[in-house]
Amino acid sequence: MMVDQGRDKESGDEGFAELLAEDESQTPYQRLRAAKKGAASPLWMNDLHHAGTSKEALKEQHGVLYALFLAHIFFAPLALGGVLPWTQNLFAIGLLVLLLVWWILQYGKPLFWQQAIRRNALAVTLVSLWLVAPVASSMPIPATLLAIISPAAYELRLFTGQSGLLPHSLAPHQTLENGLMWLTFLSCFWLTLVLVTSRKRLRILFYCLVMTAALQSILSLLIIPTLQTFLENGENHFELFGTFTNYNHFYGFLILALPIPCGLLIALIRSQSGIRTKPTTFQNLLELFHGKLGPLSFVIVIIALSFFAIPSKIATISIAIPLFLLFLATLLRSYRSTRERQLLPLLLIFFIAGLSWVSIKTITAPEMTEKINTIETVSQWPVVKKKIFDYIRTGSGGGSHTTVFSLYHQNEEFSHLKQADILNIINDYGILGLLFWLTGALYCLVLIFMGFLKRQDALMRGALFASLASLTGILIFSTMSYSLFTLVNGMIFYTLLGVGLVSLNLPNRLKRNRSHRKN
């Protein structure tokens, strides 16, 4: 009897040790202390072990919710890029229901706070606190406080004869809709953190994004021959790019999507460090088109063809800059892999060729290039400069810039001007709001960048590479164009932000005939 109890205790300790999260930075002393704590594990942990629940079973739970989450990501671009109001509400409700169901099913159970949330609590908090901005903007506040926060908004309320408790936003209904949009984006962020709990799910998520990008690219290549007709007729707004109704929205989607198959390629290319005989060029080509690498390379070519089919210097520069910076970052890695050294220079050459192609298009198709440059270079800044400085501190309220714009420029429609995402945040939430939003996003990027320098696992490096390139590229693009804060691009942006944090904590791949942890 005593022997059985001793065995149960030992097996319970082993089960608890298996459930401990992987941390590459842990010292042997820290791992020893964590193992000793297993003797005092909670009762629910012992129940799980005796019930036969393993670490992998805990990771793979809520598979239906994860499949529905992938369906939301895949079908969001098909709904005309998510520009229709009913599609925005539909996806918002769907994602919120998934998050609520996960909360109900997971509440009170083990690993309620996933390790990606626990270990990156500050980053998750900074990103999630952005919801305070639209909520605070729509809440009624005393007029005296409004006069301090936004004198221009207070003067406008006095001019219209309003008094008492007043919301800071000049368009409260639009601010509530804007808050629902942000809640949709953050739902993708939270669902990524709590559902992507294993390497398998991370790969599936990336393949889902790759298939979505490939479908949009193929559709856009089929539609692009009709683009010249629209340009020759003097049309500045085209019918469809893939299933997107806006040129800038489509390019923002491609900027987010293009680095993802490149990251998978980094993860799949077989390292040559353990091979004594250097392979020939022909063997490298055979390996490139063997197995999963062939279709993946083909997808990259399809997306790139769609990307360069229309000459856009802004979009090309936005994706070339982060790739170049990541190439430099590879030189700073403590563990230099042949994967990045072989692939990233090829990517740089590819995008330099893309810039050259844009220049050639400028010469060979001047009318087409002139039309596109006209759309890209009409700036919102000279028109709404006075409005921005009137509401420079806290803005005029989320989603209100289209309404307030007519007070400053009545001779031209707002939709005919190029909108920049950064300018829109300043318009809606002011400089303080912009700094608040950038603090969370940039802090996450710093964590992802540090993880990219340190992690040695191929899949994690590929995921961190894709997150860094996509997020940095779209942030650069958002300073010159309106693309990030649309339904589809916002969902993918916050999903990749969550993927970056998840990739910091997922364990390395288990090696054959070798223990995963060093004793």
Protein backbone atom coordinates (compact mmCIF):
# COMPACT_ATOMS: atom_id res chain seq x y z
CA MET A 1 0.00 0.00 0.00
CA MET A 2 2.80 2.38 0.89
CA VAL A 3 4.55 1.48 -2.35
CA ASP A 4 1.43 2.33 -4.37
CA GLN A 5 1.11 5.66 -2.63
CA GLY A 6 4.75 6.41 -3.34
CA ARG A 7 4.27 5.56 -7.01
CA ASP A 8 1.16 7.76 -7.16
CA LYS A 9 3.07 10.61 -5.64
CA GLU A 10 5.97 10.18 -8.06
CA SER A 11 3.64 9.97 -11.06
CA GLY A 12 1.76 13.02 -9.79
CA ASP A 13 5.02 14.93 -9.54
CA GLU A 14 5.97 13.92 -13.08
CA GLY A 15 2.57 14.98 -14.40
CA PHE A 16 2.87 18.35 -12.73
CA ALA A 17 6.39 18.80 -14.09
CA GLU A 18 5.10 18.12 -17.59
CA LEU A 19 2.46 20.80 -17.14
CA LEU A 20 5.04 23.42 -16.25
CA ALA A 21 5.44 25.98 -19.04
CA GLU A 22 8.52 25.93 -21.23
CA ASP A 23 10.92 28.80 -20.62
CA GLU A 24 14.22 28.92 -22.46
CA SER A 25 15.54 31.54 -20.05
CA GLN A 26 15.09 29.33 -16.95
CA THR A 27 18.25 28.30 -15.15
CA PRO A 28 18.69 24.75 -13.80
CA TYR A 29 18.18 26.12 -10.29
CA GLN A 30 14.84 27.67 -11.28
CA ARG A 31 13.72 24.41 -12.90
CA LEU A 32 14.72 22.51 -9.74
CA ARG A 33 12.66 24.86 -7.58
CA ALA A 34 9.69 24.49 -9.93
CA ALA A 35 9.95 20.70 -9.73
CA LYS A 36 10.01 20.80 -5.93
CA LYS A 37 6.83 22.84 -5.91
CA GLY A 38 5.12 19.94 -7.67
CA ALA A 39 4.76 18.10 -4.37
CA ALA A 40 2.41 20.85 -3.20
CA SER A 41 0.38 20.96 -6.39
CA PRO A 42 -3.31 21.91 -6.17
CA LEU A 43 -5.99 19.26 -5.84
CA TRP A 44 -7.35 19.91 -9.32
CA MET A 45 -3.92 19.11 -10.78
CA ASN A 46 -3.89 15.72 -9.07
CA ASP A 47 -7.43 15.07 -10.29
CA LEU A 48 -6.36 15.87 -13.81
CA HIS A 49 -3.42 13.52 -13.61
CA HIS A 50 -5.43 10.62 -12.19
CA ALA A 51 -8.08 11.22 -14.84
CA GLY A 52 -5.44 10.75 -17.52
CA THR A 53 -5.43 14.36 -18.75
CA SER A 54 -2.05 15.21 -20.25
CA LYS A 55 -0.36 18.44 -21.19
CA GLU A 56 -1.12 17.91 -24.87
CA ALA A 57 -4.80 17.34 -24.10
CA LEU A 58 -4.92 20.66 -22.27
CA LYS A 59 -3.28 22.37 -25.24
CA GLU A 60 -5.68 20.93 -27.80
CA GLN A 61 -8.92 21.73 -25.99
CA HIS A 62 -11.60 24.01 -27.49
CA GLY A 63 -10.93 22.73 -31.01
CA VAL A 64 -14.38 23.78 -32.24
CA LEU A 65 -13.83 27.34 -31.05
CA TYR A 66 -10.46 27.39 -32.77
CA ALA A 67 -11.97 26.16 -36.06
CA LEU A 68 -14.67 28.85 -35.89
CA PHE A 69 -12.00 31.46 -35.20
CA LEU A 70 -10.13 30.37 -38.34
CA ALA A 71 -13.38 30.55 -40.29
CA HIS A 72 -13.85 34.18 -39.23
CA ILE A 73 -10.36 35.04 -40.48
CA PHE A 74 -10.81 33.20 -43.78
CA PHE A 75 -14.26 34.55 -44.66
CA ALA A 76 -13.75 38.16 -43.51
CA PRO A 77 -12.03 39.26 -46.78
CA LEU A 78 -14.69 37.54 -48.89
CA ALA A 79 -17.37 39.90 -47.52
CA LEU A 80 -16.14 42.70 -49.83
CA GLY A 81 -13.21 43.36 -47.54
CA GLY A 82 -15.53 43.92 -44.59
CA VAL A 83 -16.51 47.46 -45.59
CA LEU A 84 -20.25 46.89 -45.33
CA PRO A 85 -21.74 47.84 -41.94
CA TRP A 86 -23.68 44.60 -41.57
CA THR A 87 -20.51 42.54 -42.15
CA GLN A 88 -18.68 44.49 -39.47
CA ASN A 89 -21.49 43.86 -36.99
CA LEU A 90 -21.71 40.18 -37.98
CA PHE A 91 -18.02 39.48 -37.43
CA ALA A 92 -17.99 41.55 -34.25
CA ILE A 93 -20.84 39.51 -32.78
CA GLY A 94 -19.29 36.23 -33.93
CA LEU A 95 -15.89 36.92 -32.37
CA LEU A 96 -17.41 38.20 -29.14
CA VAL A 97 -19.58 35.08 -28.87
CA LEU A 98 -16.49 32.88 -29.35
CA LEU A 99 -14.66 34.80 -26.64
CA LEU A 100 -17.64 34.58 -24.28
CA VAL A 101 -18.07 30.83 -24.87
CA TRP A 102 -14.36 30.26 -24.22
CA TRP A 103 -14.62 32.24 -20.99
CA ILE A 104 -17.62 30.21 -19.80
CA LEU A 105 -16.03 26.86 -20.68
CA GLN A 106 -12.64 27.71 -19.26
CA TYR A 107 -13.62 29.57 -16.10
CA GLY A 108 -12.51 27.75 -12.97
CA LYS A 109 -10.48 25.18 -14.91
CA PRO A 110 -6.71 24.70 -15.02
CA LEU A 111 -4.56 27.02 -17.10
CA PHE A 112 -7.34 29.61 -17.11
CA TRP A 113 -4.74 32.29 -17.74
CA GLN A 114 -2.73 30.94 -20.63
CA GLN A 115 1.05 31.26 -20.41
CA ALA A 116 1.13 33.79 -23.27
CA ILE A 117 -1.03 36.08 -21.11
CA ARG A 118 0.73 35.39 -17.82
CA ARG A 119 4.24 35.91 -19.15
CA ASN A 120 3.38 38.98 -21.21
CA ALA A 121 0.92 40.52 -18.80
CA LEU A 122 2.20 44.08 -19.29
CA ALA A 123 2.01 43.87 -23.09
CA VAL A 124 -1.48 42.35 -23.04
CA THR A 125 -2.62 45.00 -20.56
CA LEU A 126 -1.23 47.91 -22.60
CA VAL A 127 -2.89 46.64 -25.78
CA SER A 128 -6.21 45.85 -24.09
CA LEU A 129 -6.44 49.18 -22.24
CA TRP A 130 -7.01 50.90 -25.58
CA LEU A 131 -10.70 50.08 -25.13
CA VAL A 132 -10.73 52.79 -22.46
CA ALA A 133 -10.34 55.45 -25.18
CA PRO A 134 -13.68 54.98 -27.05
CA VAL A 135 -15.53 54.26 -23.80
CA ALA A 136 -14.22 57.40 -22.09
CA SER A 137 -14.88 59.43 -25.24
CA SER A 138 -18.59 58.53 -25.22
CA MET A 139 -19.22 58.87 -21.46
CA PRO A 140 -20.98 62.07 -20.27
CA ILE A 141 -18.72 64.33 -18.21
CA PRO A 142 -19.29 67.71 -16.52
CA ALA A 143 -19.00 70.75 -18.76
CA THR A 144 -16.20 72.21 -16.65
CA LEU A 145 -14.10 69.07 -17.16
CA LEU A 146 -14.90 69.10 -20.89
CA ALA A 147 -13.65 72.70 -21.09
CA ILE A 148 -10.32 71.59 -19.64
CA ILE A 149 -9.95 68.47 -21.77
CA SER A 150 -11.13 69.91 -25.10
CA PRO A 151 -11.83 73.67 -25.25
CA ALA A 152 -12.93 73.45 -28.90
CA ALA A 153 -15.54 70.79 -28.11
CA TYR A 154 -16.78 72.88 -25.18
CA GLU A 155 -17.13 75.99 -27.35
CA LEU A 156 -19.05 74.02 -29.96
CA ARG A 157 -21.45 72.73 -27.28
CA LEU A 158 -22.00 76.29 -26.02
CA PHE A 159 -22.71 77.41 -29.58
CA THR A 160 -25.36 74.71 -29.99
CA GLY A 161 -26.91 75.52 -26.58
CA GLN A 162 -26.03 72.24 -24.84
CA SER A 163 -25.28 72.13 -21.12
CA GLY A 164 -25.03 69.74 -18.19
CA LEU A 165 -23.31 66.38 -18.57
CA LEU A 166 -21.86 66.16 -22.07
CA PRO A 167 -19.88 63.43 -23.84
CA HIS A 168 -16.46 64.37 -25.11
CA SER A 169 -17.22 62.94 -28.55
CA LEU A 170 -18.94 65.20 -31.07
CA ALA A 171 -20.59 62.12 -32.64
CA PRO A 172 -21.42 59.72 -29.76
CA HIS A 173 -23.23 57.18 -31.97
CA GLN A 174 -20.27 56.90 -34.32
CA THR A 175 -17.96 56.62 -31.33
CA LEU A 176 -19.92 53.60 -30.09
CA GLU A 177 -19.59 52.00 -33.53
CA ASN A 178 -15.88 52.79 -33.47
CA GLY A 179 -15.62 51.17 -30.04
CA LEU A 180 -17.33 48.03 -31.40
CA MET A 181 -14.74 47.92 -34.19
CA TRP A 182 -11.89 48.12 -31.70
CA LEU A 183 -13.55 45.44 -29.59
CA THR A 184 -13.61 43.21 -32.68
CA PHE A 185 -9.89 43.73 -33.24
CA LEU A 186 -9.01 43.06 -29.62
CA SER A 187 -11.19 39.93 -29.65
CA CYS A 188 -8.90 38.53 -32.36
CA PHE A 189 -5.92 39.42 -30.17
CA TRP A 190 -7.37 37.71 -27.09
CA LEU A 191 -8.60 34.63 -29.00
CA THR A 192 -5.15 34.18 -30.52
CA LEU A 193 -3.57 34.25 -27.07
CA VAL A 194 -5.95 31.70 -25.54
CA LEU A 195 -6.58 29.35 -28.49
CA VAL A 196 -3.16 29.13 -30.18
CA THR A 197 -1.70 26.94 -27.45
CA SER A 198 0.44 24.51 -29.45
CA ARG A 199 2.85 24.40 -32.36
CA LYS A 200 0.27 22.54 -34.43
CA ARG A 201 -2.32 25.27 -34.01
CA LEU A 202 0.23 27.94 -34.86
CA ARG A 203 1.04 26.19 -38.13
CA ILE A 204 -2.65 25.76 -38.97
CA LEU A 205 -3.29 29.45 -38.33
CA PHE A 206 -0.44 30.43 -40.63
CA TYR A 207 -1.63 28.08 -43.38
CA CYS A 208 -5.12 29.57 -43.06
CA LEU A 209 -3.70 33.06 -43.56
CA VAL A 210 -1.60 31.85 -46.49
CA MET A 211 -4.63 30.29 -48.23
CA THR A 212 -6.63 33.47 -47.66
CA ALA A 213 -3.87 35.60 -49.20
CA ALA A 214 -3.43 33.20 -52.13
CA LEU A 215 -7.16 33.28 -52.91
CA GLN A 216 -7.26 37.07 -52.85
CA SER A 217 -4.15 37.29 -55.03
CA ILE A 218 -5.53 34.90 -57.65
CA LEU A 219 -8.82 36.81 -57.79
CA SER A 220 -7.00 40.12 -58.11
CA LEU A 221 -4.85 38.82 -60.97
CA LEU A 222 -8.02 37.75 -62.79
CA ILE A 223 -9.60 41.17 -62.28
CA ILE A 224 -6.56 43.38 -62.95
CA PRO A 225 -6.91 43.30 -66.79
CA THR A 226 -10.07 45.36 -66.35
CA LEU A 227 -8.21 47.91 -64.24
CA GLN A 228 -6.77 49.74 -67.24
CA THR A 229 -10.32 50.31 -68.53
CA PHE A 230 -11.35 52.04 -65.31
CA LEU A 231 -8.23 54.20 -65.38
CA GLU A 232 -8.75 55.22 -68.99
CA ASN A 233 -12.31 56.27 -68.16
CA GLY A 234 -11.02 58.58 -65.44
CA GLU A 235 -12.22 56.43 -62.54
CA ASN A 236 -10.28 56.84 -59.31
CA HIS A 237 -12.22 54.16 -57.41
CA PHE A 238 -12.10 50.71 -58.93
CA GLU A 239 -14.60 47.93 -58.68
CA LEU A 240 -12.71 45.09 -57.00
CA PHE A 241 -9.19 44.10 -55.96
CA GLY A 242 -9.58 40.47 -55.08
CA THR A 243 -12.78 40.86 -53.09
CA PHE A 244 -11.72 44.25 -51.69
CA THR A 245 -13.54 47.34 -52.92
CA ASN A 246 -10.66 49.70 -52.16
CA TYR A 247 -7.17 49.77 -53.59
CA ASN A 248 -5.43 50.79 -50.36
CA HIS A 249 -7.31 48.19 -48.29
CA PHE A 250 -6.12 45.46 -50.65
CA TYR A 251 -2.51 46.60 -50.52
CA GLY A 252 -2.59 46.77 -46.72
CA PHE A 253 -3.89 43.19 -46.71
CA LEU A 254 -1.03 42.04 -48.96
CA ILE A 255 1.55 43.83 -46.79
CA LEU A 256 0.23 41.89 -43.81
CA ALA A 257 -0.05 38.58 -45.67
CA LEU A 258 3.11 38.44 -47.81
CA PRO A 259 5.65 37.88 -44.97
CA ILE A 260 3.61 34.96 -43.59
CA PRO A 261 4.55 32.37 -46.26
CA CYS A 262 8.10 33.74 -46.10
CA GLY A 263 8.14 32.97 -42.38
CA LEU A 264 6.85 29.47 -43.06
CA LEU A 265 9.57 29.04 -45.66
CA ILE A 266 12.16 29.95 -43.02
CA ALA A 267 10.67 27.29 -40.75
CA LEU A 268 10.60 24.59 -43.44
CA ILE A 269 13.94 25.02 -45.20
CA ARG A 270 16.18 22.25 -43.95
CA SER A 271 19.23 23.51 -42.12
CA GLN A 272 22.52 22.60 -43.78
CA SER A 273 24.61 22.97 -40.63
CA GLY A 274 24.64 19.23 -39.89
CA ILE A 275 25.53 18.15 -43.45
CA ARG A 276 29.23 17.67 -44.12
CA THR A 277 29.03 17.70 -47.91
CA LYS A 278 27.78 20.95 -49.31
CA PRO A 279 24.79 20.37 -51.63
CA THR A 280 24.96 21.47 -55.23
CA THR A 281 22.78 24.16 -56.75
CA PHE A 282 20.66 21.50 -58.46
CA GLN A 283 20.10 19.73 -55.12
CA ASN A 284 19.07 23.02 -53.54
CA LEU A 285 16.53 23.58 -56.33
CA LEU A 286 15.14 20.08 -55.88
CA GLU A 287 14.82 20.66 -52.15
CA LEU A 288 13.13 24.02 -52.75
CA PHE A 289 10.33 22.41 -54.76
CA HIS A 290 10.06 19.23 -52.73
CA GLY A 291 7.20 18.54 -50.34
CA LYS A 292 5.65 21.60 -48.73
CA LEU A 293 8.29 24.02 -50.02
CA GLY A 294 7.12 23.80 -53.62
CA PRO A 295 3.50 24.92 -53.11
CA LEU A 296 4.63 27.47 -50.53
CA SER A 297 7.14 29.00 -52.95
CA PHE A 298 4.45 29.08 -55.62
CA VAL A 299 2.09 30.91 -53.24
CA ILE A 300 4.78 33.51 -52.53
CA VAL A 301 5.19 34.11 -56.26
CA ILE A 302 1.42 34.47 -56.75
CA ILE A 303 1.10 36.97 -53.90
CA ALA A 304 4.13 38.90 -55.15
CA LEU A 305 2.74 39.06 -58.70
CA SER A 306 -0.50 40.45 -57.32
CA PHE A 307 1.49 42.88 -55.18
CA PHE A 308 3.54 44.24 -58.07
CA ALA A 309 0.78 44.12 -60.69
CA ILE A 310 -0.16 47.72 -59.84
CA PRO A 311 2.76 50.14 -59.43
CA SER A 312 2.62 51.51 -55.89
CA LYS A 313 5.87 52.90 -54.54
CA ILE A 314 4.39 53.47 -51.09
CA ALA A 315 3.30 49.85 -50.66
CA THR A 316 6.54 48.43 -52.06
CA ILE A 317 8.69 50.59 -49.80
CA SER A 318 6.50 49.70 -46.81
CA ILE A 319 7.29 46.01 -47.18
CA ALA A 320 10.91 46.39 -48.35
CA ILE A 321 12.00 48.41 -45.30
CA PRO A 322 11.06 45.82 -42.63
CA LEU A 323 12.61 43.02 -44.67
CA PHE A 324 15.87 44.96 -44.89
CA LEU A 325 15.79 45.70 -41.16
CA LEU A 326 15.17 42.03 -40.38
CA PHE A 327 18.12 41.11 -42.56
CA LEU A 328 20.28 43.41 -40.43
CA ALA A 329 18.72 41.96 -37.27
CA THR A 330 19.76 38.47 -38.40
CA LEU A 331 23.38 39.59 -38.15
CA LEU A 332 22.78 40.45 -34.49
CA ARG A 333 21.36 37.06 -33.56
CA SER A 334 23.22 35.10 -30.92
CA TYR A 335 22.37 31.96 -32.91
CA ARG A 336 22.84 32.52 -36.63
CA SER A 337 20.90 30.06 -38.71
CA THR A 338 21.62 29.24 -42.32
CA ARG A 339 17.89 29.56 -43.01
CA GLU A 340 17.82 33.33 -42.63
CA ARG A 341 21.22 33.81 -44.24
CA GLN A 342 20.06 31.95 -47.33
CA LEU A 343 16.51 33.28 -47.61
CA LEU A 344 16.57 36.92 -46.54
CA PRO A 345 19.10 38.12 -49.15
CA LEU A 346 16.93 36.51 -51.81
CA LEU A 347 13.92 38.37 -50.44
CA LEU A 348 15.84 41.65 -50.51
CA ILE A 349 16.88 41.10 -54.10
CA PHE A 350 13.30 40.23 -54.95
CA PHE A 351 11.90 43.45 -53.52
CA ILE A 352 14.65 45.57 -55.04
CA ALA A 353 13.52 44.06 -58.32
CA GLY A 354 9.98 45.04 -57.35
CA LEU A 355 11.03 48.66 -56.85
CA SER A 356 12.72 48.55 -60.24
CA TRP A 357 9.51 47.15 -61.72
CA VAL A 358 7.57 50.07 -60.28
CA SER A 359 10.02 52.46 -61.94
CA ILE A 360 9.68 50.63 -65.25
CA LYS A 361 5.89 50.82 -64.97
CA THR A 362 6.23 54.57 -64.48
CA ILE A 363 7.85 54.76 -67.92
CA THR A 364 5.83 52.14 -69.80
CA ALA A 365 2.40 52.94 -68.32
CA PRO A 366 2.49 56.66 -67.45
CA GLU A 367 -1.28 57.14 -67.47
CA MET A 368 -1.91 54.28 -65.07
CA THR A 369 0.91 55.39 -62.77
CA GLU A 370 -0.25 59.00 -62.82
CA LYS A 371 -3.77 58.00 -61.77
CA ILE A 372 -2.51 55.87 -58.90
CA ASN A 373 -0.01 58.49 -57.75
CA THR A 374 -2.83 61.05 -57.77
CA ILE A 375 -4.81 58.86 -55.39
CA GLU A 376 -1.78 58.25 -53.18
CA THR A 377 -0.41 61.79 -52.98
CA VAL A 378 -3.59 63.79 -52.24
CA SER A 379 -2.93 64.49 -48.59
CA GLN A 380 -5.47 64.86 -45.86
CA TRP A 381 -3.12 66.99 -43.79
CA PRO A 382 -3.48 70.42 -45.52
CA VAL A 383 -7.27 70.16 -45.47
CA VAL A 384 -7.84 69.19 -41.84
CA LYS A 385 -4.80 70.84 -40.30
CA LYS A 386 -6.92 73.42 -38.51
CA LYS A 387 -9.25 70.72 -37.21
CA ILE A 388 -6.36 68.67 -35.85
CA PHE A 389 -4.91 71.63 -33.96
CA ASP A 390 -8.33 72.54 -32.56
CA TYR A 391 -8.63 69.06 -31.02
CA ILE A 392 -4.92 68.35 -30.70
CA ARG A 393 -4.94 66.83 -27.19
CA THR A 394 -7.83 64.37 -27.12
CA GLY A 395 -9.41 64.57 -30.58
CA SER A 396 -13.09 64.91 -31.40
CA GLY A 397 -14.18 61.36 -30.53
CA GLY A 398 -13.78 57.98 -32.16
CA GLY A 399 -15.26 57.78 -35.67
CA SER A 400 -16.24 61.47 -35.68
CA HIS A 401 -13.63 62.77 -38.11
CA THR A 402 -15.92 62.27 -41.13
CA THR A 403 -18.65 64.34 -39.47
CA VAL A 404 -16.43 67.09 -38.09
CA PHE A 405 -14.52 67.30 -41.37
CA SER A 406 -17.47 69.00 -43.11
CA LEU A 407 -17.20 71.93 -40.68
CA TYR A 408 -13.71 72.69 -41.96
CA HIS A 409 -13.90 71.86 -45.65
CA GLN A 410 -17.31 71.97 -47.30
CA ASN A 411 -16.26 72.07 -50.95
CA GLU A 412 -14.81 68.58 -51.19
CA GLU A 413 -16.04 65.24 -49.98
CA PHE A 414 -14.01 63.51 -47.32
CA SER A 415 -13.96 60.23 -49.24
CA HIS A 416 -12.13 61.87 -52.16
CA LEU A 417 -9.10 62.55 -50.01
CA LYS A 418 -6.42 60.12 -49.05
CA GLN A 419 -6.86 59.12 -45.44
CA ALA A 420 -3.92 58.08 -43.29
CA ASP A 421 -4.49 55.80 -40.32
CA ILE A 422 -2.17 57.78 -38.07
CA LEU A 423 -3.92 61.05 -38.97
CA ASN A 424 -7.29 59.43 -38.30
CA ILE A 425 -6.20 58.43 -34.79
CA ILE A 426 -5.04 62.00 -34.15
CA ASN A 427 -8.36 63.28 -35.49
CA ASP A 428 -10.38 60.92 -33.32
CA TYR A 429 -8.32 60.65 -30.13
CA GLY A 430 -5.69 63.38 -30.37
CA ILE A 431 -1.97 63.20 -29.74
CA LEU A 432 -2.54 61.61 -26.33
CA GLY A 433 -4.63 58.87 -27.94
CA LEU A 434 -1.97 58.23 -30.59
CA LEU A 435 0.74 57.90 -27.94
CA PHE A 436 -1.52 55.61 -25.91
CA TRP A 437 -2.16 53.30 -28.87
CA LEU A 438 1.46 53.29 -30.07
CA THR A 439 2.75 52.46 -26.59
CA GLY A 440 1.04 49.07 -26.57
CA ALA A 441 1.83 48.23 -30.20
CA LEU A 442 5.50 49.27 -30.05
CA TYR A 443 6.07 47.53 -26.72
CA CYS A 444 4.79 44.28 -28.25
CA LEU A 445 7.05 44.80 -31.27
CA VAL A 446 10.07 45.24 -28.99
CA LEU A 447 9.24 41.97 -27.20
CA ILE A 448 8.78 40.16 -30.52
CA PHE A 449 12.06 41.58 -31.84
CA MET A 450 13.97 40.43 -28.75
CA GLY A 451 12.40 37.00 -29.10
CA PHE A 452 13.44 36.87 -32.76
CA LEU A 453 17.05 37.49 -31.73
CA LYS A 454 17.03 34.81 -29.02
CA ARG A 455 14.79 31.91 -30.08
CA GLN A 456 16.43 28.98 -31.85
CA ASP A 457 13.39 26.93 -32.85
CA ALA A 458 12.76 27.14 -36.60
CA LEU A 459 8.97 27.46 -36.45
CA MET A 460 9.10 30.10 -33.74
CA ARG A 461 11.71 32.09 -35.67
CA GLY A 462 9.54 31.93 -38.77
CA ALA A 463 6.47 33.07 -36.83
CA LEU A 464 8.37 35.92 -35.18
CA PHE A 465 9.82 36.92 -38.56
CA ALA A 466 6.35 37.03 -40.14
CA SER A 467 4.91 39.01 -37.24
CA LEU A 468 7.73 41.56 -37.27
CA ALA A 469 7.73 42.09 -41.03
CA SER A 470 3.94 42.29 -41.33
CA LEU A 471 3.36 44.57 -38.35
CA THR A 472 6.25 46.91 -39.16
CA GLY A 473 5.25 47.10 -42.81
CA ILE A 474 1.62 47.97 -42.12
CA LEU A 475 2.64 50.59 -39.53
CA ILE A 476 4.85 52.26 -42.14
CA PHE A 477 2.03 52.04 -44.69
CA SER A 478 -0.45 53.49 -42.19
CA THR A 479 1.51 56.74 -42.01
CA MET A 480 0.79 57.35 -45.69
CA SER A 481 -2.46 55.51 -46.41
CA TYR A 482 -5.75 54.38 -44.89
CA SER A 483 -5.71 50.62 -44.62
CA LEU A 484 -4.97 49.36 -41.12
CA PHE A 485 -8.23 50.22 -39.36
CA THR A 486 -10.53 48.35 -41.71
CA LEU A 487 -12.25 45.17 -40.56
CA VAL A 488 -10.05 42.60 -42.32
CA ASN A 489 -6.70 44.31 -41.87
CA GLY A 490 -7.41 45.19 -38.26
CA MET A 491 -8.34 41.58 -37.49
CA ILE A 492 -5.15 40.24 -39.11
CA PHE A 493 -3.00 42.94 -37.49
CA TYR A 494 -4.14 42.04 -33.98
CA THR A 495 -4.02 38.32 -34.77
CA LEU A 496 -0.37 38.63 -35.80
CA LEU A 497 0.29 40.74 -32.71
CA GLY A 498 -1.04 37.86 -30.63
CA VAL A 499 0.94 35.34 -32.69
CA GLY A 500 4.14 37.23 -31.90
CA LEU A 501 3.47 37.04 -28.16
CA VAL A 502 2.44 33.38 -28.37
CA SER A 503 5.63 32.50 -30.28
CA LEU A 504 7.71 33.85 -27.42
CA ASN A 505 6.45 31.11 -25.09
CA LEU A 506 5.60 28.00 -27.12
CA PRO A 507 8.09 25.18 -26.48
CA ASN A 508 10.75 24.06 -28.90
CA ARG A 509 10.22 21.04 -31.12
CA LEU A 510 10.95 17.77 -29.35
CA LYS A 511 14.06 16.08 -30.68
CA ARG A 512 14.16 12.37 -31.31
CA ASN A 513 15.93 10.20 -28.73
CA ARG A 514 16.69 13.25 -26.64
CA SER A 515 15.02 14.75 -23.62
CA HIS A 516 13.36 18.09 -24.23
CA ARG A 517 14.80 19.58 -21.07
CA LYS A 518 18.38 19.53 -20.00
CA ASN A 519 18.83 18.11 -16.55
